[in-house]
C-alpha atoms as a PDB file:
ATOM      1  CA  MET A   1      -0.278   0.054   0.093  1.00  0.00           C
ATOM      2  CA  GLY A   2       1.501   3.727  -0.726  1.00  0.00           C
ATOM      3  CA  GLU A   3       1.672   6.431   1.856  1.00  0.00           C
ATOM      4  CA  ALA A   4      -0.672   8.005   2.838  1.00  0.00           C
ATOM      5  CA  THR A   5      -1.075  11.958   1.616  1.00  0.00           C
ATOM      6  CA  ALA A   6      -1.238  13.931   4.983  1.00  0.00           C
ATOM      7  CA  LEU A   7      -3.983  16.724   5.267  1.00  0.00           C
ATOM      8  CA  VAL A   8      -2.941  20.881   4.126  1.00  0.00           C
ATOM      9  CA  LYS A   9      -4.948  22.877   5.932  1.00  0.00           C
ATOM     10  CA  ALA A  10      -5.989  25.912   4.584  1.00  0.00           C
ATOM     11  CA  ARG A  11      -4.815  29.356   6.227  1.00  0.00           C
ATOM     12  CA  LEU A  12      -5.803  32.609   6.612  1.00  0.00           C
ATOM     13  CA  VAL A  13      -2.681  34.992   6.793  1.00  0.00           C
ATOM     14  CA  GLU A  14      -1.967  38.246   8.460  1.00  0.00           C
ATOM     15  CA  LEU A  15       0.358  40.113   5.728  1.00  0.00           C
ATOM     16  CA  ASP A  16       2.144  43.352   6.699  1.00  0.00           C
ATOM     17  CA  ALA A  17       1.933  46.790   5.106  1.00  0.00           C
ATOM     18  CA  SER A  18       3.699  46.256   1.599  1.00  0.00           C
ATOM     19  CA  PHE A  19       1.065  43.212   1.146  1.00  0.00           C
ATOM     20  CA  ARG A  20       4.538  41.293   0.242  1.00  0.00           C
ATOM     21  CA  SER A  21       5.117  39.120   3.775  1.00  0.00           C
ATOM     22  CA  PRO A  22       3.174  37.923   6.240  1.00  0.00           C
ATOM     23  CA  ALA A  23       3.620  41.045   9.822  1.00  0.00           C
ATOM     24  CA  PRO A  24       5.803  39.785  11.844  1.00  0.00           C
ATOM     25  CA  GLY A  25       3.655  38.359  14.698  1.00  0.00           C
ATOM     26  CA  GLY A  26       1.075  39.029  12.662  1.00  0.00           C
ATOM     27  CA  LEU A  27      -2.565  37.128  12.884  1.00  0.00           C
ATOM     28  CA  SER A  28      -2.490  33.735  10.993  1.00  0.00           C
ATOM     29  CA  VAL A  29      -5.557  31.283  11.553  1.00  0.00           C
ATOM     30  CA  GLU A  30      -5.453  27.314  10.735  1.00  0.00           C
ATOM     31  CA  VAL A  31      -9.453  26.235   9.461  1.00  0.00           C
ATOM     32  CA  GLN A  32     -10.772  24.098  10.790  1.00  0.00           C
ATOM     33  CA  PHE A  33     -12.643  21.956   7.415  1.00  0.00           C
ATOM     34  CA  ASN A  34     -10.840  23.162   3.931  1.00  0.00           C
ATOM     35  CA  PRO A  35     -13.617  24.180   1.939  1.00  0.00           C
ATOM     36  CA  GLU A  36     -15.983  22.664  -1.192  1.00  0.00           C
ATOM     37  CA  THR A  37     -14.657  25.406  -3.913  1.00  0.00           C
ATOM     38  CA  LEU A  38     -12.669  28.491  -4.332  1.00  0.00           C
ATOM     39  CA  LYS A  39     -14.712  30.949  -6.758  1.00  0.00           C
ATOM     40  CA  VAL A  40     -12.149  33.275  -7.888  1.00  0.00           C
ATOM     41  CA  THR A  41     -14.175  36.168 -10.476  1.00  0.00           C
ATOM     42  CA  TYR A  42     -12.020  39.000 -13.113  1.00  0.00           C
ATOM     43  CA  GLN A  43     -12.820  41.749 -13.107  1.00  0.00           C
ATOM     44  CA  ASN A  44     -12.407  45.113 -15.749  1.00  0.00           C
ATOM     45  CA  ARG A  45     -12.760  48.288 -15.061  1.00  0.00           C
ATOM     46  CA  PRO A  46     -13.475  50.711 -18.319  1.00  0.00           C
ATOM     47  CA  GLN A  47     -13.332  53.809 -18.155  1.00  0.00           C
ATOM     48  CA  GLU A  48     -14.135  57.278 -20.661  1.00  0.00           C
ATOM     49  CA  GLN A  49     -10.828  58.719 -22.020  1.00  0.00           C
ATOM     50  CA  LYS A  50     -11.877  62.334 -24.147  1.00  0.00           C
ATOM     51  CA  SER A  51     -10.645  62.211 -27.124  1.00  0.00           C
ATOM     52  CA  THR A  52      -7.677  64.993 -28.008  1.00  0.00           C
ATOM     53  CA  GLY A  53      -7.877  67.601 -30.283  1.00  0.00           C
ATOM     54  CA  ASP A  54      -9.742  70.480 -32.065  1.00  0.00           C
ATOM     55  CA  GLN A  55     -12.502  67.850 -33.308  1.00  0.00           C
ATOM     56  CA  ARG A  56     -16.216  67.722 -32.545  1.00  0.00           C
ATOM     57  CA  GLY A  57     -18.253  65.339 -31.659  1.00  0.00           C
ATOM     58  CA  ASN A  58     -16.065  62.683 -31.106  1.00  0.00           C
ATOM     59  CA  SER A  59     -16.852  59.696 -28.628  1.00  0.00           C
ATOM     60  CA  PRO A  60     -15.036  59.517 -25.690  1.00  0.00           C
ATOM     61  CA  ARG A  61     -12.281  56.549 -26.635  1.00  0.00           C
ATOM     62  CA  GLN A  62     -13.376  53.640 -23.504  1.00  0.00           C
ATOM     63  CA  VAL A  63      -9.733  52.556 -22.172  1.00  0.00           C
ATOM     64  CA  MET A  64      -9.087  49.709 -18.378  1.00  0.00           C
ATOM     65  CA  GLY A  65      -8.900  51.021 -15.319  1.00  0.00           C
ATOM     66  CA  ALA A  66      -7.148  49.084 -12.600  1.00  0.00           C
ATOM     67  CA  GLY A  67      -8.833  46.011 -12.520  1.00  0.00           C
ATOM     68  CA  SER A  68     -10.024  43.784  -9.792  1.00  0.00           C
ATOM     69  CA  THR A  69      -9.389  39.829  -8.459  1.00  0.00           C
ATOM     70  CA  LYS A  70     -12.496  38.741  -6.395  1.00  0.00           C
ATOM     71  CA  LEU A  71     -12.152  35.103  -3.963  1.00  0.00           C
ATOM     72  CA  ALA A  72     -15.363  33.277  -2.782  1.00  0.00           C
ATOM     73  CA  LEU A  73     -14.564  30.757  -0.159  1.00  0.00           C
ATOM     74  CA  GLN A  74     -16.616  29.421   2.838  1.00  0.00           C
ATOM     75  CA  LEU A  75     -15.804  27.495   5.937  1.00  0.00           C
ATOM     76  CA  TRP A  76     -17.105  25.944   8.328  1.00  0.00           C
ATOM     77  CA  PHE A  77     -16.920  25.645  12.349  1.00  0.00           C
ATOM     78  CA  ASP A  78     -18.211  23.258  14.632  1.00  0.00           C
ATOM     79  CA  VAL A  79     -17.218  23.230  18.401  1.00  0.00           C
ATOM     80  CA  ASN A  80     -18.031  19.510  18.977  1.00  0.00           C
ATOM     81  CA  SER A  81     -15.629  18.877  15.912  1.00  0.00           C
ATOM     82  CA  PRO A  82     -11.823  18.318  15.920  1.00  0.00           C
ATOM     83  CA  GLY A  83      -9.578  20.577  16.187  1.00  0.00           C
ATOM     84  CA  ALA A  84     -11.702  23.084  18.845  1.00  0.00           C
ATOM     85  CA  GLY A  85      -9.079  23.174  20.893  1.00  0.00           C
ATOM     86  CA  GLY A  86     -11.904  22.627  23.998  1.00  0.00           C
ATOM     87  CA  GLU A  87     -13.978  25.947  23.195  1.00  0.00           C
ATOM     88  CA  ARG A  88     -17.531  25.906  23.514  1.00  0.00           C
ATOM     89  CA  ASP A  89     -19.092  28.447  21.459  1.00  0.00           C
ATOM     90  CA  VAL A  90     -18.502  28.715  18.671  1.00  0.00           C
ATOM     91  CA  ARG A  91     -18.125  31.573  18.004  1.00  0.00           C
ATOM     92  CA  ALA A  92     -14.494  31.320  19.743  1.00  0.00           C
ATOM     93  CA  LEU A  93     -13.083  29.906  16.925  1.00  0.00           C
ATOM     94  CA  THR A  94     -14.845  32.476  14.244  1.00  0.00           C
ATOM     95  CA  SER A  95     -13.813  35.886  16.207  1.00  0.00           C
ATOM     96  CA  LYS A  96     -10.109  34.925  14.834  1.00  0.00           C
ATOM     97  CA  VAL A  97     -11.414  35.451  11.316  1.00  0.00           C
ATOM     98  CA  ALA A  98     -13.664  37.727  11.813  1.00  0.00           C
ATOM     99  CA  ARG A  99     -11.061  39.981  12.866  1.00  0.00           C
ATOM    100  CA  PHE A 100      -9.340  40.905  10.510  1.00  0.00           C
ATOM    101  CA  MET A 101     -12.626  42.712   8.554  1.00  0.00           C
ATOM    102  CA  LEU A 102     -10.843  44.502  11.884  1.00  0.00           C
ATOM    103  CA  PRO A 103      -9.597  48.772  10.347  1.00  0.00           C
ATOM    104  CA  ALA A 104      -6.757  49.379  12.782  1.00  0.00           C
ATOM    105  CA  SER A 105      -5.193  53.195  13.177  1.00  0.00           C
ATOM    106  CA  PRO A 106      -1.477  53.105  10.952  1.00  0.00           C
ATOM    107  CA  ALA A 107       1.602  52.857  13.521  1.00  0.00           C
ATOM    108  CA  GLY A 108       1.664  56.607  14.752  1.00  0.00           C
ATOM    109  CA  ALA A 109      -1.603  57.869  14.229  1.00  0.00           C
ATOM    110  CA  SER A 110      -3.944  60.681  16.532  1.00  0.00           C
ATOM    111  CA  ALA A 111      -6.828  61.967  17.028  1.00  0.00           C
ATOM    112  CA  THR A 112      -6.035  65.427  15.186  1.00  0.00           C
ATOM    113  CA  THR A 113      -4.351  63.288  11.613  1.00  0.00           C
ATOM    114  CA  ALA A 114      -5.808  62.359   8.867  1.00  0.00           C
ATOM    115  CA  ASP A 115      -4.899  58.674   8.686  1.00  0.00           C
ATOM    116  CA  ARG A 116      -7.881  56.269   8.691  1.00  0.00           C
ATOM    117  CA  PRO A 117      -8.021  52.889  10.110  1.00  0.00           C
ATOM    118  CA  ALA A 118      -7.388  50.587   7.269  1.00  0.00           C
ATOM    119  CA  PRO A 119      -8.497  46.744   7.612  1.00  0.00           C
ATOM    120  CA  PRO A 120      -4.888  43.942   7.551  1.00  0.00           C
ATOM    121  CA  GLY A 121      -3.686  42.781   3.933  1.00  0.00           C
ATOM    122  CA  VAL A 122      -4.827  38.780   4.175  1.00  0.00           C
ATOM    123  CA  ARG A 123      -3.285  36.122   2.684  1.00  0.00           C
ATOM    124  CA  PHE A 124      -5.144  32.813   2.045  1.00  0.00           C
ATOM    125  CA  THR A 125      -3.085  29.862   0.849  1.00  0.00           C
ATOM    126  CA  TRP A 126      -3.461  26.069   0.489  1.00  0.00           C
ATOM    127  CA  GLY A 127      -0.983  23.967  -1.565  1.00  0.00           C
ATOM    128  CA  THR A 128      -0.296  25.869  -4.697  1.00  0.00           C
ATOM    129  CA  PHE A 129      -2.994  28.079  -4.305  1.00  0.00           C
ATOM    130  CA  THR A 130      -3.073  31.543  -2.959  1.00  0.00           C
ATOM    131  CA  PHE A 131      -4.270  34.664  -2.395  1.00  0.00           C
ATOM    132  CA  ASP A 132      -3.606  38.548  -1.870  1.00  0.00           C
ATOM    133  CA  GLY A 133      -5.642  41.130  -0.768  1.00  0.00           C
ATOM    134  CA  LEU A 134      -9.062  42.690   1.369  1.00  0.00           C
ATOM    135  CA  MET A 135     -11.048  41.106   3.713  1.00  0.00           C
ATOM    136  CA  ASP A 136     -14.189  43.388   1.785  1.00  0.00           C
ATOM    137  CA  SER A 137     -16.805  41.232   3.460  1.00  0.00           C
ATOM    138  CA  LEU A 138     -17.791  38.295   5.324  1.00  0.00           C
ATOM    139  CA  ASP A 139     -21.276  36.728   6.501  1.00  0.00           C
ATOM    140  CA  GLU A 140     -21.769  34.244   9.505  1.00  0.00           C
ATOM    141  CA  THR A 141     -25.056  31.884  10.323  1.00  0.00           C
ATOM    142  CA  LEU A 142     -24.638  30.219  13.576  1.00  0.00           C
ATOM    143  CA  ASP A 143     -26.601  27.243  12.743  1.00  0.00           C
ATOM    144  CA  PHE A 144     -27.080  25.061  16.038  1.00  0.00           C
ATOM    145  CA  PHE A 145     -27.314  25.240  19.954  1.00  0.00           C
ATOM    146  CA  SER A 146     -26.818  23.640  22.794  1.00  0.00           C
ATOM    147  CA  PRO A 147     -29.334  23.269  25.264  1.00  0.00           C
ATOM    148  CA  ASP A 148     -28.413  26.319  26.534  1.00  0.00           C
ATOM    149  CA  GLY A 149     -28.105  28.379  24.244  1.00  0.00           C
ATOM    150  CA  ARG A 150     -24.266  28.377  22.989  1.00  0.00           C
ATOM    151  CA  PRO A 151     -24.032  28.416  19.945  1.00  0.00           C
ATOM    152  CA  LEU A 152     -22.344  25.185  18.125  1.00  0.00           C
ATOM    153  CA  ARG A 153     -21.993  25.201  14.932  1.00  0.00           C
ATOM    154  CA  ALA A 154     -20.946  28.220  11.788  1.00  0.00           C
ATOM    155  CA  THR A 155     -20.913  28.217   8.673  1.00  0.00           C
ATOM    156  CA  LEU A 156     -18.467  32.048   6.964  1.00  0.00           C
ATOM    157  CA  ASN A 157     -19.184  33.075   3.493  1.00  0.00           C
ATOM    158  CA  ILE A 158     -16.111  35.123   2.988  1.00  0.00           C
ATOM    159  CA  GLY A 159     -15.179  37.251  -0.194  1.00  0.00           C
ATOM    160  CA  LEU A 160     -11.756  39.148  -0.298  1.00  0.00           C
ATOM    161  CA  SER A 161     -10.586  42.093  -3.778  1.00  0.00           C
ATOM    162  CA  GLY A 162      -7.507  41.900  -4.952  1.00  0.00           C
ATOM    163  CA  GLN A 163      -5.822  43.311  -7.484  1.00  0.00           C
ATOM    164  CA  LEU A 164      -6.354  41.953 -11.456  1.00  0.00           C
ATOM    165  CA  GLU A 165      -3.624  39.142 -12.532  1.00  0.00           C
ATOM    166  CA  ILE A 166      -3.733  36.100 -14.227  1.00  0.00           C
ATOM    167  CA  VAL A 167      -0.922  33.281 -14.753  1.00  0.00           C
ATOM    168  CA  PRO A 168      -0.233  29.646 -13.969  1.00  0.00           C
ATOM    169  CA  PRO A 169      -0.005  28.525 -10.171  1.00  0.00           C
ATOM    170  CA  THR A 170       3.386  27.701  -9.544  1.00  0.00           C
ATOM    171  CA  GLY A 171       5.227  24.583  -9.590  1.00  0.00           C
ATOM    172  CA  GLY A 172       2.145  23.124 -11.943  1.00  0.00           C
ATOM    173  CA  GLY A 173       2.782  22.974 -14.877  1.00  0.00           C
ATOM    174  CA  PRO A 174       1.913  21.278 -18.075  1.00  0.00           C
ATOM    175  CA  ASP A 175       4.955  19.783 -18.663  1.00  0.00           C
ATOM    176  CA  GLY A 176       6.100  18.727 -14.482  1.00  0.00           C
ATOM    177  CA  GLY A 177       7.886  21.710 -15.082  1.00  0.00           C
ATOM    178  CA  ALA A 178       7.800  24.689 -12.306  1.00  0.00           C
ATOM    179  CA  ALA A 179       5.199  27.410 -14.305  1.00  0.00           C
ATOM    180  CA  ALA A 180       6.229  30.348 -14.360  1.00  0.00           C
ATOM    181  CA  GLY A 181       5.291  34.450 -12.715  1.00  0.00           C
ATOM    182  CA  PRO A 182       2.841  34.002  -8.656  1.00  0.00           C
ATOM    183  CA  THR A 183      -0.211  32.914  -8.574  1.00  0.00           C
ATOM    184  CA  ALA A 184      -3.343  34.629  -9.399  1.00  0.00           C
ATOM    185  CA  GLY A 185      -3.987  37.554  -7.312  1.00  0.00           C
ATOM    186  CA  THR A 186      -0.489  37.723  -5.531  1.00  0.00           C
ATOM    187  CA  ARG A 187       1.125  40.185  -7.532  1.00  0.00           C
ATOM    188  CA  PRO A 188       1.738  42.648  -4.524  1.00  0.00           C
ATOM    189  CA  LEU A 189       0.047  46.299  -4.065  1.00  0.00           C
ATOM    190  CA  SER A 190       1.215  49.382  -3.076  1.00  0.00           C
ATOM    191  CA  ALA A 191      -0.212  50.660   0.613  1.00  0.00           C
ATOM    192  CA  ALA A 192       0.011  54.880   0.638  1.00  0.00           C
ATOM    193  CA  THR A 193       0.427  56.320   4.089  1.00  0.00           C
ATOM    194  CA  ALA A 194      -0.447  59.698   5.022  1.00  0.00           C
ATOM    195  CA  GLY A 195       0.566  62.559   3.429  1.00  0.00           C
ATOM    196  CA  ALA A 196       2.128  60.353   0.485  1.00  0.00           C
ATOM    197  CA  THR A 197       1.618  61.464  -3.212  1.00  0.00           C
ATOM    198  CA  LEU A 198       1.402  59.335  -6.035  1.00  0.00           C
ATOM    199  CA  PRO A 199       4.743  60.964  -8.623  1.00  0.00           C
ATOM    200  CA  ALA A 200       6.612  60.065  -4.883  1.00  0.00           C
ATOM    201  CA  LEU A 201       5.480  57.038  -4.689  1.00  0.00           C
ATOM    202  CA  ALA A 202       6.452  55.986  -8.124  1.00  0.00           C
ATOM    203  CA  ALA A 203       9.461  58.400  -7.904  1.00  0.00           C
ATOM    204  CA  ALA A 204      10.336  56.046  -4.841  1.00  0.00           C
ATOM    205  CA  ALA A 205       9.645  51.914  -6.578  1.00  0.00           C
ATOM    206  CA  GLY A 206      11.189  53.527 -10.397  1.00  0.00           C
ATOM    207  CA  VAL A 207       8.084  52.831 -12.146  1.00  0.00           C
ATOM    208  CA  GLY A 208       9.077  54.815 -15.609  1.00  0.00           C
ATOM    209  CA  VAL A 209      13.007  55.372 -15.362  1.00  0.00           C
ATOM    210  CA  ALA A 210      13.972  54.776 -18.395  1.00  0.00           C
ATOM    211  CA  ALA A 211      17.190  56.587 -20.906  1.00  0.00           C
ATOM    212  CA  GLY A 212      16.798  59.915 -18.231  1.00  0.00           C
ATOM    213  CA  ALA A 213      13.042  60.452 -18.368  1.00  0.00           C
ATOM    214  CA  GLY A 214      11.605  60.944 -14.912  1.00  0.00           C
ATOM    215  CA  PRO A 215       8.896  58.807 -13.614  1.00  0.00           C
ATOM    216  CA  ASP A 216       5.471  57.859 -15.194  1.00  0.00           C
ATOM    217  CA  TRP A 217       3.481  58.434 -12.612  1.00  0.00           C
ATOM    218  CA  GLN A 218       0.608  59.681 -15.114  1.00  0.00           C
ATOM    219  CA  SER A 219       0.805  56.140 -16.360  1.00  0.00           C
ATOM    220  CA  VAL A 220       0.792  54.906 -12.885  1.00  0.00           C
ATOM    221  CA  ALA A 221      -2.348  57.015 -12.281  1.00  0.00           C
ATOM    222  CA  SER A 222      -4.411  56.070 -15.465  1.00  0.00           C
ATOM    223  CA  ALA A 223      -3.884  52.642 -14.788  1.00  0.00           C
ATOM    224  CA  ASN A 224      -5.533  52.521 -11.260  1.00  0.00           C
ATOM    225  CA  GLY A 225      -8.117  55.940 -11.372  1.00  0.00           C
ATOM    226  CA  ILE A 226      -6.978  58.422  -9.989  1.00  0.00           C
ATOM    227  CA  GLU A 227      -8.081  61.695 -10.353  1.00  0.00           C
ATOM    228  CA  ASN A 228      -5.980  63.736  -7.560  1.00  0.00           C
ATOM    229  CA  PRO A 229      -2.270  62.547  -7.304  1.00  0.00           C
ATOM    230  CA  ARG A 230      -1.956  64.393  -4.502  1.00  0.00           C
ATOM    231  CA  LEU A 231      -5.132  63.381  -3.008  1.00  0.00           C
ATOM    232  CA  LEU A 232      -4.156  60.377  -1.452  1.00  0.00           C
ATOM    233  CA  ALA A 233      -6.644  58.254   1.635  1.00  0.00           C
ATOM    234  CA  PRO A 234      -3.890  56.319   3.758  1.00  0.00           C
ATOM    235  CA  GLY A 235      -4.397  52.656   3.349  1.00  0.00           C
ATOM    236  CA  GLN A 236      -5.535  53.088  -0.796  1.00  0.00           C
ATOM    237  CA  LEU A 237      -3.459  50.279  -2.482  1.00  0.00           C
ATOM    238  CA  ILE A 238      -1.988  51.062  -5.800  1.00  0.00           C
ATOM    239  CA  ASP A 239      -0.444  48.775  -8.520  1.00  0.00           C
ATOM    240  CA  LEU A 240       2.516  50.343  -9.538  1.00  0.00           C
ATOM    241  CA  ASN A 241       4.256  47.465 -11.398  1.00  0.00           C
ATOM    242  CA  LEU A 242       4.110  49.216 -14.255  1.00  0.00           C
ATOM    243  CA  SER A 243       7.082  48.678 -17.345  1.00  0.00           C
ATOM    244  CA  ALA A 244       8.859  51.367 -17.828  1.00  0.00           C
ATOM    245  CA  GLY A 245       7.278  54.386 -20.252  1.00  0.00           C
ATOM    246  CA  VAL A 246       4.371  52.458 -20.521  1.00  0.00           C
ATOM    247  CA  ARG A 247       1.295  54.558 -20.976  1.00  0.00           C
ATOM    248  CA  LEU A 248      -2.169  53.623 -22.116  1.00  0.00           C
ATOM    249  CA  PRO A 249      -3.969  54.104 -25.008  1.00  0.00           C
END
């Protein structure tokens, strides 16, 4: 008989401010039961771009702004099943997942600053599947109670949103070799800090620097649908991963 394969459990892991790595000492939750299905939705955001020149009556051109990827999954928790850790109320288990919805004030923020609390980045990982984003929805259903009114079983419907990315998974090419590129939804976004401007972020990331040209923050603004590059909300996620000198048509 062949050797039994160990069961790999899915996890939700808090990401650091760069949205690239797990946060040191951050929240990490192993699911009690793996989901049955994962639904990934890819969505583009059309934008109108006004025609140039003096011609009259020209219709605006449709260009693509920043796209997004969404992940939907369902998790189950039951205090009467293995992995409950002796808890008597299922909410002791589900509250750990719900913490990914809670915004946290940026470091150094005070009541007099304009810093807006933002929820942490979260990585859902299960075997070869990885998705980085923000938890933007969470529905909890309590459907089994003890005689004294304690909820014992719960179903969580979770929605995560990330950046639009469609690439094959790593290590799973059709020829048995490793596939190039990250898994869908994992290309990192940059979070704007309080007082940051788009030109400064683009310059720090080296966007558009080629042959002596300055940072092409205009392309970044157009691709992300940013109207005011000098007025960014703290925690706003921005895709700075653009090729040098690339502009939208």
